[in-house]
Each structure stands twice: as structure tokens, then as C-alpha cells.
PDB file of N, CA and C in Angstrom:
ATOM      1  N   MET A   1      10.359   1.873 -19.405  1.00  0.00           N
ATOM      2  CA  MET A   1       9.988   2.249 -18.150  1.00  0.00           C
ATOM      3  C   MET A   1       8.977   2.198 -18.037  1.00  0.00           C
ATOM      4  N   GLU A   2       8.046   0.896 -17.095  1.00  0.00           N
ATOM      5  CA  GLU A   2       6.724   0.728 -17.001  1.00  0.00           C
ATOM      6  C   GLU A   2       6.278   1.584 -15.096  1.00  0.00           C
ATOM      7  N   VAL A   3       5.003   1.843 -16.281  1.00  0.00           N
ATOM      8  CA  VAL A   3       4.303   2.849 -15.275  1.00  0.00           C
ATOM      9  C   VAL A   3       3.136   2.230 -15.152  1.00  0.00           C
ATOM     10  N   ASN A   4       2.650   1.387 -13.485  1.00  0.00           N
ATOM     11  CA  ASN A   4       0.875   0.945 -13.265  1.00  0.00           C
ATOM     12  C   ASN A   4       0.642   2.122 -13.114  1.00  0.00           C
ATOM     13  N   ARG A   5      -0.306   1.808 -13.125  1.00  0.00           N
ATOM     14  CA  ARG A   5      -1.957   3.344 -12.754  1.00  0.00           C
ATOM     15  C   ARG A   5      -3.459   2.424 -12.522  1.00  0.00           C
ATOM     16  N   ILE A   6      -3.526   2.167 -10.904  1.00  0.00           N
ATOM     17  CA  ILE A   6      -4.344   1.183 -10.492  1.00  0.00           C
ATOM     18  C   ILE A   6      -5.710   2.226 -10.260  1.00  0.00           C
ATOM     19  N   GLY A   7      -6.637   1.710 -10.288  1.00  0.00           N
ATOM     20  CA  GLY A   7      -8.224   2.129  -9.753  1.00  0.00           C
ATOM     21  C   GLY A   7      -8.457   2.627  -8.651  1.00  0.00           C
ATOM     22  N   ASN A   8      -8.858   3.967  -8.732  1.00  0.00           N
ATOM     23  CA  ASN A   8      -9.392   3.954  -7.431  1.00  0.00           C
ATOM     24  C   ASN A   8     -10.017   3.153  -6.459  1.00  0.00           C
ATOM     25  N   THR A   9     -11.476   2.707  -7.234  1.00  0.00           N
ATOM     26  CA  THR A   9     -12.435   1.552  -6.527  1.00  0.00           C
ATOM     27  C   THR A   9     -11.483   0.075  -6.757  1.00  0.00           C
ATOM     28  N   CYS A  10     -12.463  -0.652  -5.905  1.00  0.00           N
ATOM     29  CA  CYS A  10     -12.380  -1.508  -6.535  1.00  0.00           C
ATOM     30  C   CYS A  10     -13.898  -2.847  -5.388  1.00  0.00           C
ATOM     31  N   VAL A  11     -14.674  -4.176  -6.559  1.00  0.00           N
ATOM     32  CA  VAL A  11     -15.846  -4.572  -5.765  1.00  0.00           C
ATOM     33  C   VAL A  11     -15.277  -5.496  -5.050  1.00  0.00           C
ATOM     34  N   VAL A  12     -16.105  -5.068  -3.781  1.00  0.00           N
ATOM     35  CA  VAL A  12     -15.838  -5.834  -2.768  1.00  0.00           C
ATOM     36  C   VAL A  12     -16.536  -7.481  -2.466  1.00  0.00           C
ATOM     37  N   GLN A  13     -16.895  -8.382  -2.401  1.00  0.00           N
ATOM     38  CA  GLN A  13     -18.209  -9.286  -2.115  1.00  0.00           C
ATOM     39  C   GLN A  13     -17.519 -10.231  -0.548  1.00  0.00           C
ATOM     40  N   GLN A  14     -18.772  -9.833  -0.237  1.00  0.00           N
ATOM     41  CA  GLN A  14     -19.497 -10.834   1.059  1.00  0.00           C
ATOM     42  C   GLN A  14     -19.990 -11.913   0.830  1.00  0.00           C
ATOM     43  N   VAL A  15     -18.991 -13.019   1.700  1.00  0.00           N
ATOM     44  CA  VAL A  15     -18.866 -14.146   1.832  1.00  0.00           C
ATOM     45  C   VAL A  15     -19.661 -14.894   2.681  1.00  0.00           C
ATOM     46  N   GLY A  16     -20.584 -15.941   2.710  1.00  0.00           N
ATOM     47  CA  GLY A  16     -21.880 -16.167   3.168  1.00  0.00           C
ATOM     48  C   GLY A  16     -22.834 -16.838   2.576  1.00  0.00           C
ATOM     49  N   ASN A  17     -24.532 -16.672   3.556  1.00  0.00           N
ATOM     50  CA  ASN A  17     -25.852 -17.067   2.713  1.00  0.00           C
ATOM     51  C   ASN A  17     -26.312 -15.743   2.013  1.00  0.00           C
ATOM     52  N   SER A  18     -25.573 -14.730   2.097  1.00  0.00           N
ATOM     53  CA  SER A  18     -26.672 -13.525   1.528  1.00  0.00           C
ATOM     54  C   SER A  18     -24.832 -13.152   1.065  1.00  0.00           C
ATOM     55  N   SER A  19     -24.802 -13.390  -0.287  1.00  0.00           N
ATOM     56  CA  SER A  19     -23.358 -13.046  -0.826  1.00  0.00           C
ATOM     57  C   SER A  19     -23.513 -11.520  -1.598  1.00  0.00           C
ATOM     58  N   LYS A  20     -23.685 -10.673  -0.757  1.00  0.00           N
ATOM     59  CA  LYS A  20     -23.689  -9.228  -1.255  1.00  0.00           C
ATOM     60  C   LYS A  20     -21.710  -8.649  -1.880  1.00  0.00           C
ATOM     61  N   ASN A  21     -21.981  -7.377  -2.624  1.00  0.00           N
ATOM     62  CA  ASN A  21     -21.519  -6.649  -3.459  1.00  0.00           C
ATOM     63  C   ASN A  21     -21.447  -5.202  -3.245  1.00  0.00           C
ATOM     64  N   VAL A  22     -19.929  -4.977  -2.533  1.00  0.00           N
ATOM     65  CA  VAL A  22     -20.110  -3.670  -2.169  1.00  0.00           C
ATOM     66  C   VAL A  22     -18.716  -2.965  -2.919  1.00  0.00           C
ATOM     67  N   THR A  23     -19.007  -1.139  -3.468  1.00  0.00           N
ATOM     68  CA  THR A  23     -17.804  -0.506  -4.301  1.00  0.00           C
ATOM     69  C   THR A  23     -17.439  -0.272  -3.210  1.00  0.00           C
ATOM     70  N   ALA A  24     -16.362   0.208  -3.105  1.00  0.00           N
ATOM     71  CA  ALA A  24     -15.208   0.625  -2.064  1.00  0.00           C
ATOM     72  C   ALA A  24     -13.633   0.802  -2.657  1.00  0.00           C
ATOM     73  N   GLU A  25     -13.605   1.937  -1.749  1.00  0.00           N
ATOM     74  CA  GLU A  25     -12.146   2.458  -2.465  1.00  0.00           C
ATOM     75  C   GLU A  25     -10.773   1.643  -2.049  1.00  0.00           C
ATOM     76  N   VAL A  26      -9.994   2.008  -2.749  1.00  0.00           N
ATOM     77  CA  VAL A  26      -8.582   1.776  -2.279  1.00  0.00           C
ATOM     78  C   VAL A  26      -7.851   2.102  -1.814  1.00  0.00           C
ATOM     79  N   HIS A  27      -6.993   1.856  -0.256  1.00  0.00           N
ATOM     80  CA  HIS A  27      -6.876   3.283   1.034  1.00  0.00           C
ATOM     81  C   HIS A  27      -5.300   3.068   0.017  1.00  0.00           C
ATOM     82  N   GLU A  28      -4.785   1.602   0.536  1.00  0.00           N
ATOM     83  CA  GLU A  28      -3.062   1.341   0.043  1.00  0.00           C
ATOM     84  C   GLU A  28      -3.185  -0.242  -0.482  1.00  0.00           C
ATOM     85  N   PHE A  29      -2.902  -0.647  -1.695  1.00  0.00           N
ATOM     86  CA  PHE A  29      -2.261  -1.355  -2.333  1.00  0.00           C
ATOM     87  C   PHE A  29      -0.856  -1.687  -2.793  1.00  0.00           C
ATOM     88  N   LYS A  30      -0.926  -2.734  -2.506  1.00  0.00           N
ATOM     89  CA  LYS A  30       0.961  -3.552  -2.821  1.00  0.00           C
ATOM     90  C   LYS A  30       0.335  -4.960  -3.238  1.00  0.00           C
ATOM     91  N   GLU A  31       0.692  -5.004  -5.487  1.00  0.00           N
ATOM     92  CA  GLU A  31       0.202  -6.056  -5.959  1.00  0.00           C
ATOM     93  C   GLU A  31       0.835  -7.510  -5.473  1.00  0.00           C
ATOM     94  N   HIS A  32      -0.550  -8.030  -5.292  1.00  0.00           N
ATOM     95  CA  HIS A  32      -0.136  -9.633  -5.427  1.00  0.00           C
ATOM     96  C   HIS A  32       0.342  -9.783  -3.120  1.00  0.00           C
ATOM     97  N   GLU A  33       0.394  -9.139  -2.060  1.00  0.00           N
ATOM     98  CA  GLU A  33       0.641  -8.732  -0.791  1.00  0.00           C
ATOM     99  C   GLU A  33      -0.512  -8.236  -0.407  1.00  0.00           C
ATOM    100  N   LYS A  34      -0.469  -6.488   0.060  1.00  0.00           N
ATOM    101  CA  LYS A  34      -1.751  -6.411   0.600  1.00  0.00           C
ATOM    102  C   LYS A  34      -2.444  -5.169  -0.160  1.00  0.00           C
ATOM    103  N   LEU A  35      -3.575  -5.078   0.681  1.00  0.00           N
ATOM    104  CA  LEU A  35      -4.783  -4.301   0.152  1.00  0.00           C
ATOM    105  C   LEU A  35      -5.723  -3.698   0.985  1.00  0.00           C
ATOM    106  N   VAL A  36      -6.004  -2.755   1.495  1.00  0.00           N
ATOM    107  CA  VAL A  36      -6.766  -1.174   2.442  1.00  0.00           C
ATOM    108  C   VAL A  36      -8.119  -1.259   2.466  1.00  0.00           C
ATOM    109  N   VAL A  37      -9.258  -1.629   1.669  1.00  0.00           N
ATOM    110  CA  VAL A  37     -10.269  -0.941   1.040  1.00  0.00           C
ATOM    111  C   VAL A  37     -11.310  -0.016   2.281  1.00  0.00           C
ATOM    112  N   VAL A  38     -11.985   1.244   1.909  1.00  0.00           N
ATOM    113  CA  VAL A  38     -12.690   1.415   2.813  1.00  0.00           C
ATOM    114  C   VAL A  38     -13.799   1.197   2.585  1.00  0.00           C
ATOM    115  N   LEU A  39     -14.917   0.924   3.348  1.00  0.00           N
ATOM    116  CA  LEU A  39     -16.277   0.891   2.890  1.00  0.00           C
ATOM    117  C   LEU A  39     -17.190   1.443   3.505  1.00  0.00           C
ATOM    118  N   ASN A  40     -18.027   1.828   2.548  1.00  0.00           N
ATOM    119  CA  ASN A  40     -18.813   3.003   2.887  1.00  0.00           C
ATOM    120  C   ASN A  40     -18.417   4.113   4.065  1.00  0.00           C
ATOM    121  N   LYS A  41     -17.910   4.681   3.314  1.00  0.00           N
ATOM    122  CA  LYS A  41     -16.387   6.146   3.741  1.00  0.00           C
ATOM    123  C   LYS A  41     -15.688   5.961   5.078  1.00  0.00           C
ATOM    124  N   SER A  42     -16.182   5.250   6.093  1.00  0.00           N
ATOM    125  CA  SER A  42     -16.091   4.982   7.530  1.00  0.00           C
ATOM    126  C   SER A  42     -15.119   4.124   8.112  1.00  0.00           C
ATOM    127  N   VAL A  43     -15.488   2.164   7.520  1.00  0.00           N
ATOM    128  CA  VAL A  43     -14.688   1.338   7.768  1.00  0.00           C
ATOM    129  C   VAL A  43     -13.412   0.809   7.161  1.00  0.00           C
ATOM    130  N   LYS A  44     -12.647   0.841   7.105  1.00  0.00           N
ATOM    131  CA  LYS A  44     -11.357  -0.333   6.988  1.00  0.00           C
ATOM    132  C   LYS A  44     -11.185  -1.402   7.109  1.00  0.00           C
ATOM    133  N   LEU A  45     -10.957  -1.700   5.272  1.00  0.00           N
ATOM    134  CA  LEU A  45     -10.904  -3.135   5.988  1.00  0.00           C
ATOM    135  C   LEU A  45      -9.531  -4.047   5.846  1.00  0.00           C
ATOM    136  N   PRO A  46      -8.954  -3.668   6.086  1.00  0.00           N
ATOM    137  CA  PRO A  46      -6.662  -4.741   5.534  1.00  0.00           C
ATOM    138  C   PRO A  46      -7.838  -6.081   4.968  1.00  0.00           C
ATOM    139  N   MET A  47      -6.673  -6.169   3.967  1.00  0.00           N
ATOM    140  CA  MET A  47      -7.201  -7.300   3.159  1.00  0.00           C
ATOM    141  C   MET A  47      -6.119  -7.950   2.636  1.00  0.00           C
ATOM    142  N   LYS A  48      -5.797  -9.398   2.912  1.00  0.00           N
ATOM    143  CA  LYS A  48      -4.440 -10.304   2.614  1.00  0.00           C
ATOM    144  C   LYS A  48      -4.293 -11.073   1.453  1.00  0.00           C
ATOM    145  N   TRP A  49      -3.412 -11.292   0.712  1.00  0.00           N
ATOM    146  CA  TRP A  49      -2.950 -12.026  -0.999  1.00  0.00           C
ATOM    147  C   TRP A  49      -3.146 -13.424  -0.504  1.00  0.00           C
ATOM    148  N   ASN A  50      -4.085 -14.309  -1.337  1.00  0.00           N
ATOM    149  CA  ASN A  50      -4.303 -16.146  -0.893  1.00  0.00           C
ATOM    150  C   ASN A  50      -3.601 -16.330  -2.500  1.00  0.00           C
ATOM    151  N   GLY A  51      -2.834 -15.471  -3.380  1.00  0.00           N
ATOM    152  CA  GLY A  51      -2.473 -16.596  -4.063  1.00  0.00           C
ATOM    153  C   GLY A  51      -3.550 -16.426  -5.802  1.00  0.00           C
ATOM    154  N   ARG A  52      -4.783 -16.216  -4.767  1.00  0.00           N
ATOM    155  CA  ARG A  52      -6.038 -16.693  -5.583  1.00  0.00           C
ATOM    156  C   ARG A  52      -6.798 -14.612  -6.254  1.00  0.00           C
ATOM    157  N   LEU A  53      -7.024 -14.238  -4.662  1.00  0.00           N
ATOM    158  CA  LEU A  53      -8.343 -13.308  -4.117  1.00  0.00           C
ATOM    159  C   LEU A  53      -7.441 -12.646  -3.197  1.00  0.00           C
ATOM    160  N   TYR A  54      -7.611 -11.137  -2.903  1.00  0.00           N
ATOM    161  CA  TYR A  54      -7.778 -10.806  -1.606  1.00  0.00           C
ATOM    162  C   TYR A  54      -8.569 -11.036  -0.586  1.00  0.00           C
ATOM    163  N   GLU A  55      -8.541 -12.146   0.617  1.00  0.00           N
ATOM    164  CA  GLU A  55      -9.318 -11.801   1.676  1.00  0.00           C
ATOM    165  C   GLU A  55      -9.127 -11.276   2.965  1.00  0.00           C
ATOM    166  N   GLY A  56      -9.954 -11.061   3.630  1.00  0.00           N
ATOM    167  CA  GLY A  56     -10.318  -9.789   4.976  1.00  0.00           C
ATOM    168  C   GLY A  56     -11.007  -9.859   5.377  1.00  0.00           C
ATOM    169  N   ARG A  57     -11.874  -9.801   7.032  1.00  0.00           N
ATOM    170  CA  ARG A  57     -12.827 -10.758   7.477  1.00  0.00           C
ATOM    171  C   ARG A  57     -12.437  -8.806   8.676  1.00  0.00           C
ATOM    172  N   MET A  58     -13.799  -8.866   8.666  1.00  0.00           N
ATOM    173  CA  MET A  58     -14.590  -7.615   9.829  1.00  0.00           C
ATOM    174  C   MET A  58     -15.774  -8.004  10.591  1.00  0.00           C
ATOM    175  N   ALA A  59     -15.196  -7.896  11.087  1.00  0.00           N
ATOM    176  CA  ALA A  59     -16.891  -8.502  12.850  1.00  0.00           C
ATOM    177  C   ALA A  59     -17.354 -10.031  11.935  1.00  0.00           C
ATOM    178  N   GLY A  60     -16.382 -10.713  11.841  1.00  0.00           N
ATOM    179  CA  GLY A  60     -16.914 -12.092  12.190  1.00  0.00           C
ATOM    180  C   GLY A  60     -17.938 -12.419  10.351  1.00  0.00           C
ATOM    181  N   ILE A  61     -17.522 -11.371   9.768  1.00  0.00           N
ATOM    182  CA  ILE A  61     -17.851 -12.061   8.123  1.00  0.00           C
ATOM    183  C   ILE A  61     -16.617 -11.902   7.129  1.00  0.00           C
ATOM    184  N   ASP A  62     -16.612 -12.616   6.378  1.00  0.00           N
ATOM    185  CA  ASP A  62     -16.302 -12.530   5.466  1.00  0.00           C
ATOM    186  C   ASP A  62     -15.733 -11.878   4.064  1.00  0.00           C
ATOM    187  N   PHE A  63     -14.288 -10.997   3.549  1.00  0.00           N
ATOM    188  CA  PHE A  63     -14.745 -10.218   2.848  1.00  0.00           C
ATOM    189  C   PHE A  63     -13.864 -11.082   1.584  1.00  0.00           C
ATOM    190  N   VAL A  64     -14.011 -10.964  -0.134  1.00  0.00           N
ATOM    191  CA  VAL A  64     -12.508 -11.531  -0.832  1.00  0.00           C
ATOM    192  C   VAL A  64     -13.022 -10.323  -1.875  1.00  0.00           C
ATOM    193  N   THR A  65     -11.890  -9.994  -2.762  1.00  0.00           N
ATOM    194  CA  THR A  65     -12.205  -9.248  -4.065  1.00  0.00           C
ATOM    195  C   THR A  65     -11.258  -9.642  -4.554  1.00  0.00           C
ATOM    196  N   VAL A  66     -10.576  -8.986  -6.165  1.00  0.00           N
ATOM    197  CA  VAL A  66      -9.547  -9.223  -7.537  1.00  0.00           C
ATOM    198  C   VAL A  66      -8.960  -8.699  -6.810  1.00  0.00           C
ATOM    199  N   GLY A  67      -9.263  -7.265  -6.484  1.00  0.00           N
ATOM    200  CA  GLY A  67      -8.155  -6.230  -6.272  1.00  0.00           C
ATOM    201  C   GLY A  67      -8.915  -4.853  -7.512  1.00  0.00           C
ATOM    202  N   PRO A  68      -8.657  -4.076  -7.133  1.00  0.00           N
ATOM    203  CA  PRO A  68      -8.545  -2.940  -8.396  1.00  0.00           C
ATOM    204  C   PRO A  68      -7.917  -3.227  -9.464  1.00  0.00           C
ATOM    205  N   SER A  69      -8.228  -2.675 -11.316  1.00  0.00           N
ATOM    206  CA  SER A  69      -8.056  -2.769 -12.168  1.00  0.00           C
ATOM    207  C   SER A  69      -6.825  -2.351 -11.675  1.00  0.00           C
ATOM    208  N   VAL A  70      -5.314  -2.706 -12.336  1.00  0.00           N
ATOM    209  CA  VAL A  70      -3.952  -2.550 -12.225  1.00  0.00           C
ATOM    210  C   VAL A  70      -3.351  -2.578 -14.321  1.00  0.00           C
ATOM    211  N   ASN A  71      -3.188  -1.300 -14.978  1.00  0.00           N
ATOM    212  CA  ASN A  71      -3.517  -0.842 -15.978  1.00  0.00           C
ATOM    213  C   ASN A  71      -1.836  -0.652 -16.267  1.00  0.00           C
ATOM    214  N   LYS A  72      -0.885  -1.559 -16.621  1.00  0.00           N
ATOM    215  CA  LYS A  72       0.854  -1.876 -17.077  1.00  0.00           C
ATOM    216  C   LYS A  72       0.971  -0.778 -18.738  1.00  0.00           C
ATOM    217  N   ALA A  73       1.306  -0.053 -18.759  1.00  0.00           N
ATOM    218  CA  ALA A  73       1.636   0.723 -19.849  1.00  0.00           C
ATOM    219  C   ALA A  73       3.795   1.067 -19.783  1.00  0.00           C
ATOM    220  N   THR A  74       3.920   0.978 -20.846  1.00  0.00           N
ATOM    221  CA  THR A  74       5.338   1.025 -21.193  1.00  0.00           C
ATOM    222  C   THR A  74       5.765   2.151 -21.927  1.00  0.00           C
ATOM    223  N   THR A  75       6.235   2.819 -21.103  1.00  0.00           N
ATOM    224  CA  THR A  75       7.160   3.969 -21.803  1.00  0.00           C
ATOM    225  C   THR A  75       8.846   4.072 -21.752  1.00  0.00           C
ATOM    226  N   SER A  76       8.657   4.984 -22.990  1.00  0.00           N
ATOM    227  CA  SER A  76       9.914   5.810 -23.291  1.00  0.00           C
ATOM    228  C   SER A  76      10.825   7.162 -23.314  1.00  0.00           C
ATOM    229  N   ILE A  77      11.675   7.084 -23.111  1.00  0.00           N
ATOM    230  CA  ILE A  77      12.247   8.664 -22.945  1.00  0.00           C
ATOM    231  C   ILE A  77      13.197   8.871 -24.460  1.00  0.00           C
ATOM    232  N   ARG A  78      12.197   9.834 -25.231  1.00  0.00           N
ATOM    233  CA  ARG A  78      12.980  10.085 -26.468  1.00  0.00           C
ATOM    234  C   ARG A  78      13.382  11.732 -26.148  1.00  0.00           C
ATOM    235  N   GLY A  79      14.334  11.729 -26.436  1.00  0.00           N
ATOM    236  CA  GLY A  79      15.485  12.792 -26.742  1.00  0.00           C
ATOM    237  C   GLY A  79      16.809  12.864 -27.861  1.00  0.00           C
TER     238      GLY A  79
END
């Protein structure tokens, strides 16, 4: 049995002239499909997978992230 452990936060980068990095909380995550993060505990930012990164746009500003850390562990049942 394989268990995925997903991190609670990820680093989101603002794309543009003033590239800023912000730590965001992960609200919803489906690996290689979609990611919804919460910025500053008040703004929900939906992001979609483009094949390399998760991309999102809010208020005319583009954001990208590699997503949260995903640790995959294999477990077995002994009995």
C-alpha cells in the first residue's frame, strides 16, 4: 500500500518585474491536476498544472509554484 503525505505549505512566486516569493497554505491539492492555495490567510488562489508548474492568475498578476512537498511511503500489513 502506498501512502502520500502532502506538505501544508508551499512557496508561491509572483511572476513579473518584481518577483516576490510568498509562503502559502495548501487548501486543496490533486497532484498534476490542480492546486488551491490561501495567501495571507484571506485570498484563495486556484492554480492549474501546465506540465511543469502550477499556474494561477489573480487581479491581473500571474503566480507559479512547484507545489507542496509530496512524500510517498510504501507500507505493508503484517499479520
